[in-house]
């Protein structure tokens, strides 16, 4: 009888030890998860501050060069008539506004502002980001039309250029407004005003994600098609022979620049607003940020006409 009692006590004691060990393990696991979340939260806040700084630097640089280029175009009657400079000025304006709104948006996130205004600002930034990509696509399409169909190009492009830009601004603004309304009505306030969003995009719903991917893919197809016809026409005309290294370099520079504009947003949108892959999404943002800062150089300052006008050099010197 005594042995049975002692055996029962030993069993109860071992069971108690196992329960206590399990509780300790559970507590350690929870502490580890909390530490991981805290570390991730700190990392996100650091990345937000870095993004705000990058946006500010980009805004200052792009705005400075954009003012110089726009002023040069406006003061030259010949350049004012060229559609490529018309599209370039719109592209640089969109890039400058995009960086300005990005600075404001991430600064508000740094101070954890939780109001509807932050999402309105991001909606405007998303609309202008699409305008940046669309104007980039129009620039590629304009070059292809000028080279492949020179006889019909001037009459057609000067007739529709202002209408096209007006349609671009109206469409992207309405699209972003609709996406904000859809997100705001389908998500709860806890999701809308999430204190620690892991991804710098608010419009992370399925409809926003699918529409964004479709738009970027369509623009990529137009750009690739435009440069395909441009290269084919260049080969037929003999512009891409061994002695014409400048033409090949221009095509390569433009292709890389457009790729760095198209691919990073596509990666960020495809990943959505989940908490995974924060570092990868930030890396895509850095690549896109550098691409935007190089746009005034690649499409503006590399042009010999622009260099001559800015530096007051006579043509042919």
Protein backbone atom coordinates (compact mmCIF):
# COMPACT_ATOMS: atom_id res chain seq x y z
CA UNK A 1 0.00 0.00 0.00
CA UNK A 2 2.81 2.39 0.93
CA UNK A 3 4.62 1.54 -2.30
CA UNK A 4 1.54 2.41 -4.32
CA UNK A 5 1.22 5.76 -2.56
CA UNK A 6 4.89 6.55 -3.12
CA UNK A 7 4.62 5.49 -6.78
CA UNK A 8 1.58 7.72 -7.27
CA UNK A 9 3.40 10.65 -5.70
CA UNK A 10 6.37 10.08 -8.02
CA UNK A 11 4.07 9.99 -11.04
CA UNK A 12 2.33 13.18 -9.94
CA UNK A 13 5.68 14.85 -9.29
CA UNK A 14 6.98 13.87 -12.74
CA UNK A 15 3.75 15.05 -14.33
CA UNK A 16 4.06 18.34 -12.48
CA UNK A 17 7.66 18.69 -13.67
CA UNK A 18 6.62 18.05 -17.26
CA UNK A 19 3.83 20.62 -17.05
CA UNK A 20 6.20 23.14 -15.52
CA UNK A 21 8.79 22.42 -18.22
CA UNK A 22 6.13 22.82 -20.90
CA UNK A 23 5.01 26.13 -19.42
CA UNK A 24 8.59 27.40 -19.29
CA UNK A 25 9.13 26.35 -22.89
CA UNK A 26 5.90 28.08 -23.92
CA UNK A 27 6.92 31.25 -22.08
CA UNK A 28 10.36 31.20 -23.72
CA UNK A 29 8.74 30.72 -27.14
CA UNK A 30 6.36 33.62 -26.57
CA UNK A 31 9.22 35.84 -25.39
CA UNK A 32 11.22 34.90 -28.47
CA UNK A 33 8.26 35.73 -30.73
CA UNK A 34 7.75 39.05 -28.96
CA UNK A 35 11.44 39.89 -29.32
CA UNK A 36 11.29 38.98 -33.01
CA UNK A 37 8.25 41.20 -33.50
CA UNK A 38 9.89 44.04 -31.64
CA UNK A 39 13.05 43.69 -33.74
CA UNK A 40 10.98 43.59 -36.92
CA UNK A 41 9.06 46.65 -35.77
CA UNK A 42 12.30 48.53 -35.09
CA UNK A 43 13.67 47.48 -38.49
CA UNK A 44 10.54 48.75 -40.22
CA UNK A 45 10.74 52.10 -38.45
CA UNK A 46 14.40 52.44 -39.46
CA UNK A 47 13.57 51.62 -43.10
CA UNK A 48 10.76 54.18 -43.07
CA UNK A 49 13.20 56.88 -41.92
CA UNK A 50 15.75 55.84 -44.55
CA UNK A 51 13.06 55.93 -47.22
CA UNK A 52 12.01 59.39 -46.15
CA UNK A 53 15.62 60.57 -46.49
CA UNK A 54 16.03 58.96 -49.92
CA UNK A 55 12.82 60.53 -51.14
CA UNK A 56 13.99 63.94 -49.92
CA UNK A 57 17.39 63.65 -51.64
CA UNK A 58 15.73 62.48 -54.85
CA UNK A 59 13.22 65.33 -54.69
CA UNK A 60 15.95 67.96 -54.33
CA UNK A 61 18.08 66.53 -57.16
CA UNK A 62 15.23 65.81 -59.61
CA UNK A 63 13.57 69.17 -58.96
CA UNK A 64 16.82 71.08 -59.48
CA UNK A 65 17.62 69.36 -62.78
CA UNK A 66 13.96 69.49 -63.87
CA UNK A 67 13.81 73.26 -63.36
CA UNK A 68 17.00 73.64 -65.42
CA UNK A 69 15.71 71.43 -68.25
CA UNK A 70 12.20 72.92 -68.27
CA UNK A 71 13.56 76.46 -68.32
CA UNK A 72 15.86 75.56 -71.22
CA UNK A 73 12.99 74.03 -73.21
CA UNK A 74 10.65 76.96 -72.57
CA UNK A 75 13.27 79.49 -73.72
CA UNK A 76 13.98 77.64 -76.98
CA UNK A 77 11.24 77.78 -79.63
CA UNK A 78 12.56 74.76 -81.53
CA UNK A 79 12.70 72.53 -78.47
CA UNK A 80 9.20 73.63 -77.39
CA UNK A 81 7.81 72.16 -80.61
CA UNK A 82 9.44 68.75 -80.09
CA UNK A 83 7.16 66.22 -78.44
CA UNK A 84 10.03 64.35 -76.78
CA UNK A 85 10.84 67.40 -74.65
CA UNK A 86 7.15 67.95 -73.94
CA UNK A 87 6.92 64.38 -72.58
CA UNK A 88 10.26 64.70 -70.78
CA UNK A 89 9.08 67.77 -68.85
CA UNK A 90 5.89 65.97 -67.82
CA UNK A 91 7.89 62.91 -66.80
CA UNK A 92 10.25 64.97 -64.64
CA UNK A 93 7.32 66.85 -63.09
CA UNK A 94 5.69 63.55 -62.15
CA UNK A 95 8.96 62.21 -60.72
CA UNK A 96 9.46 65.34 -58.63
CA UNK A 97 5.90 65.26 -57.25
CA UNK A 98 6.22 61.54 -56.54
CA UNK A 99 9.33 62.07 -54.42
CA UNK A 100 7.75 65.04 -52.62
CA UNK A 101 4.65 63.05 -51.65
CA UNK A 102 6.85 60.09 -50.70
CA UNK A 103 8.79 62.33 -48.32
CA UNK A 104 5.59 63.63 -46.72
CA UNK A 105 4.01 60.16 -46.51
CA UNK A 106 6.99 58.49 -44.87
CA UNK A 107 7.55 61.42 -42.52
CA UNK A 108 3.96 61.02 -41.32
CA UNK A 109 4.54 57.30 -40.88
CA UNK A 110 7.67 58.06 -38.84
CA UNK A 111 5.52 60.02 -36.39
CA UNK A 112 2.84 57.27 -36.60
CA UNK A 113 0.10 59.59 -37.80
CA UNK A 114 -3.14 57.62 -38.01
CA UNK A 115 -5.63 59.70 -39.96
CA UNK A 116 -7.35 59.49 -43.30
CA UNK A 117 -5.05 62.20 -44.70
CA UNK A 118 -2.06 59.85 -44.78
CA UNK A 119 -3.91 57.46 -47.09
CA UNK A 120 -5.14 60.33 -49.28
CA UNK A 121 -1.51 61.43 -49.65
CA UNK A 122 -0.48 57.91 -50.54
CA UNK A 123 -3.35 57.66 -53.03
CA UNK A 124 -2.02 60.77 -54.76
CA UNK A 125 1.49 59.32 -54.70
CA UNK A 126 0.22 56.08 -56.25
CA UNK A 127 -1.54 58.05 -59.01
CA UNK A 128 1.60 60.06 -59.77
CA UNK A 129 3.73 56.88 -59.69
CA UNK A 130 1.54 55.46 -62.45
CA UNK A 131 1.91 58.77 -64.33
CA UNK A 132 5.71 58.38 -64.12
CA UNK A 133 5.50 54.94 -65.75
CA UNK A 134 2.94 56.03 -68.34
CA UNK A 135 4.96 59.09 -69.43
CA UNK A 136 8.01 56.84 -69.65
CA UNK A 137 6.02 54.52 -71.93
CA UNK A 138 4.81 57.44 -74.03
CA UNK A 139 8.42 58.57 -74.47
CA UNK A 140 9.37 55.16 -75.86
CA UNK A 141 6.28 55.08 -78.07
CA UNK A 142 7.00 58.59 -79.34
CA UNK A 143 10.54 57.65 -80.43
CA UNK A 144 9.26 54.55 -82.23
CA UNK A 145 6.55 56.50 -84.06
CA UNK A 146 9.00 59.26 -85.05
CA UNK A 147 11.46 56.76 -86.54
CA UNK A 148 9.08 54.19 -88.06
CA UNK A 149 6.31 56.48 -89.36
CA UNK A 150 7.95 59.88 -89.92
CA UNK A 151 5.46 61.14 -92.55
CA UNK A 152 2.33 60.68 -90.41
CA UNK A 153 4.05 61.31 -87.08
CA UNK A 154 4.09 65.13 -86.85
CA UNK A 155 0.47 65.73 -87.87
CA UNK A 156 -0.84 63.00 -85.58
CA UNK A 157 1.27 63.56 -82.47
CA UNK A 158 0.79 67.35 -82.30
CA UNK A 159 -2.95 66.85 -82.63
CA UNK A 160 -3.29 64.43 -79.71
CA UNK A 161 -0.43 65.18 -77.27
CA UNK A 162 -2.37 67.49 -74.96
CA UNK A 163 -5.44 65.25 -75.04
CA UNK A 164 -3.34 62.20 -74.16
CA UNK A 165 -1.71 63.89 -71.17
CA UNK A 166 -5.08 65.12 -69.91
CA UNK A 167 -6.49 61.59 -70.21
CA UNK A 168 -3.48 60.16 -68.36
CA UNK A 169 -3.97 62.49 -65.38
CA UNK A 170 -7.73 61.89 -65.26
CA UNK A 171 -7.47 58.09 -65.52
CA UNK A 172 -4.73 57.62 -62.90
CA UNK A 173 -6.47 59.98 -60.46
CA UNK A 174 -9.83 58.22 -60.82
CA UNK A 175 -8.16 54.81 -60.55
CA UNK A 176 -6.40 55.67 -57.30
CA UNK A 177 -9.56 57.26 -55.87
CA UNK A 178 -11.57 54.12 -56.67
CA UNK A 179 -8.92 51.88 -55.10
CA UNK A 180 -8.88 53.95 -51.91
CA UNK A 181 -12.69 53.77 -51.65
CA UNK A 182 -12.63 50.00 -52.23
CA UNK A 183 -9.88 49.44 -49.65
CA UNK A 184 -11.55 51.71 -47.10
CA UNK A 185 -14.96 50.04 -47.45
CA UNK A 186 -13.72 46.43 -47.50
CA UNK A 187 -11.16 46.73 -44.66
CA UNK A 188 -11.77 47.51 -41.04
CA UNK A 189 -10.35 50.54 -39.29
CA UNK A 190 -7.73 48.34 -37.62
CA UNK A 191 -6.40 47.35 -41.03
CA UNK A 192 -6.61 50.87 -42.44
CA UNK A 193 -4.72 52.47 -39.55
CA UNK A 194 -2.27 49.66 -38.93
CA UNK A 195 0.39 51.02 -36.55
CA UNK A 196 3.28 49.05 -38.04
CA UNK A 197 2.66 48.31 -41.71
CA UNK A 198 5.41 46.06 -43.01
CA UNK A 199 5.09 47.18 -46.59
CA UNK A 200 5.17 50.79 -47.79
CA UNK A 201 2.01 50.32 -49.85
CA UNK A 202 -1.46 50.81 -48.46
CA UNK A 203 -3.36 49.49 -51.44
CA UNK A 204 -2.58 45.83 -50.81
CA UNK A 205 -5.97 44.28 -51.63
CA UNK A 206 -6.45 41.74 -54.40
CA UNK A 207 -8.16 44.19 -56.75
CA UNK A 208 -5.42 46.79 -56.31
CA UNK A 209 -2.72 44.15 -56.72
CA UNK A 210 -4.22 42.63 -59.89
CA UNK A 211 -4.94 45.99 -61.52
CA UNK A 212 -1.42 47.20 -60.72
CA UNK A 213 0.23 44.11 -62.18
CA UNK A 214 -1.94 44.33 -65.32
CA UNK A 215 -1.11 48.01 -65.83
CA UNK A 216 2.65 47.58 -65.37
CA UNK A 217 2.69 44.48 -67.59
CA UNK A 218 0.80 46.35 -70.32
CA UNK A 219 3.22 49.28 -70.15
CA UNK A 220 6.17 46.88 -70.30
CA UNK A 221 4.75 45.22 -73.41
CA UNK A 222 4.30 48.62 -75.11
CA UNK A 223 7.86 49.65 -74.25
CA UNK A 224 9.35 46.36 -75.50
CA UNK A 225 7.28 46.51 -78.71
CA UNK A 226 8.30 50.13 -79.33
CA UNK A 227 12.00 49.38 -78.97
CA UNK A 228 11.65 46.24 -81.09
CA UNK A 229 10.32 48.29 -84.02
CA UNK A 230 12.89 51.01 -83.30
CA UNK A 231 15.78 48.53 -83.42
CA UNK A 232 14.41 46.87 -86.55
CA UNK A 233 14.10 50.20 -88.33
CA UNK A 234 17.56 51.21 -87.13
CA UNK A 235 19.11 48.05 -88.54
CA UNK A 236 17.36 48.51 -91.89
CA UNK A 237 18.59 52.12 -92.07
CA UNK A 238 22.13 51.15 -91.01
CA UNK A 239 22.14 53.08 -87.74
CA UNK A 240 23.29 50.07 -85.70
CA UNK A 241 26.45 49.17 -87.58
CA UNK A 242 29.82 48.82 -85.89
CA UNK A 243 30.72 52.48 -86.35
CA UNK A 244 27.53 53.73 -84.65
CA UNK A 245 28.35 52.95 -81.03
CA UNK A 246 26.35 55.89 -79.69
CA UNK A 247 23.04 54.55 -81.02
CA UNK A 248 23.63 51.16 -79.40
CA UNK A 249 24.62 52.79 -76.09
CA UNK A 250 21.48 54.93 -76.14
CA UNK A 251 19.27 51.88 -76.64
CA UNK A 252 21.07 50.03 -73.83
CA UNK A 253 20.84 52.98 -71.41
CA UNK A 254 17.16 53.52 -72.14
CA UNK A 255 16.41 49.81 -71.83
CA UNK A 256 18.14 49.53 -68.46
CA UNK A 257 16.52 52.72 -67.21
CA UNK A 258 13.04 51.54 -68.14
CA UNK A 259 13.69 48.09 -66.66
CA UNK A 260 14.69 49.65 -63.33
CA UNK A 261 11.49 51.71 -63.45
CA UNK A 262 9.20 48.77 -64.30
CA UNK A 263 10.55 45.76 -62.37
CA UNK A 264 10.79 47.12 -58.77
CA UNK A 265 7.15 48.31 -58.60
CA UNK A 266 6.07 45.00 -60.11
CA UNK A 267 7.96 43.10 -57.38
CA UNK A 268 6.54 45.27 -54.58
CA UNK A 269 2.96 45.01 -55.85
CA UNK A 270 3.22 41.24 -56.39
CA UNK A 271 4.40 40.71 -52.80
CA UNK A 272 1.56 42.78 -51.36
CA UNK A 273 1.42 44.14 -47.82
CA UNK A 274 2.36 40.97 -45.93
CA UNK A 275 5.06 41.12 -43.29
CA UNK A 276 7.45 38.84 -45.15
CA UNK A 277 10.35 39.93 -47.36
CA UNK A 278 10.61 43.45 -45.95
CA UNK A 279 14.29 43.66 -46.90
CA UNK A 280 13.61 42.51 -50.47
CA UNK A 281 10.87 45.09 -50.93
CA UNK A 282 13.13 47.78 -49.54
CA UNK A 283 15.88 46.71 -51.97
CA UNK A 284 13.40 47.02 -54.85
CA UNK A 285 12.50 50.50 -53.60
CA UNK A 286 16.19 51.54 -53.54
CA UNK A 287 16.66 50.36 -57.15
CA UNK A 288 13.54 52.26 -58.22
CA UNK A 289 14.75 55.35 -56.33
CA UNK A 290 18.09 55.36 -58.15
CA UNK A 291 16.30 54.86 -61.48
CA UNK A 292 14.17 57.94 -60.85
CA UNK A 293 17.20 60.04 -59.93
CA UNK A 294 18.93 58.99 -63.17
CA UNK A 295 15.93 59.90 -65.39
CA UNK A 296 16.89 63.60 -65.81
CA UNK A 297 20.40 62.51 -66.81
CA UNK A 298 19.49 59.64 -69.15
CA UNK A 299 16.63 61.39 -70.97
CA UNK A 300 17.67 65.03 -70.60
CA UNK A 301 21.31 65.84 -69.92
CA UNK A 302 22.68 63.11 -72.23
CA UNK A 303 21.09 64.88 -75.20
CA UNK A 304 23.62 66.93 -77.15
CA UNK A 305 21.00 69.56 -77.99
CA UNK A 306 20.20 69.97 -74.30
CA UNK A 307 23.89 70.18 -73.39
CA UNK A 308 24.48 72.84 -76.03
CA UNK A 309 21.56 74.95 -74.85
CA UNK A 310 22.40 74.62 -71.15
CA UNK A 311 26.12 75.34 -71.61
CA UNK A 312 25.49 78.03 -74.27
CA UNK A 313 27.71 76.23 -76.73
CA UNK A 314 27.24 76.87 -80.46
CA UNK A 315 26.01 73.90 -82.44
CA UNK A 316 28.71 71.76 -83.99
CA UNK A 317 31.36 72.74 -81.44
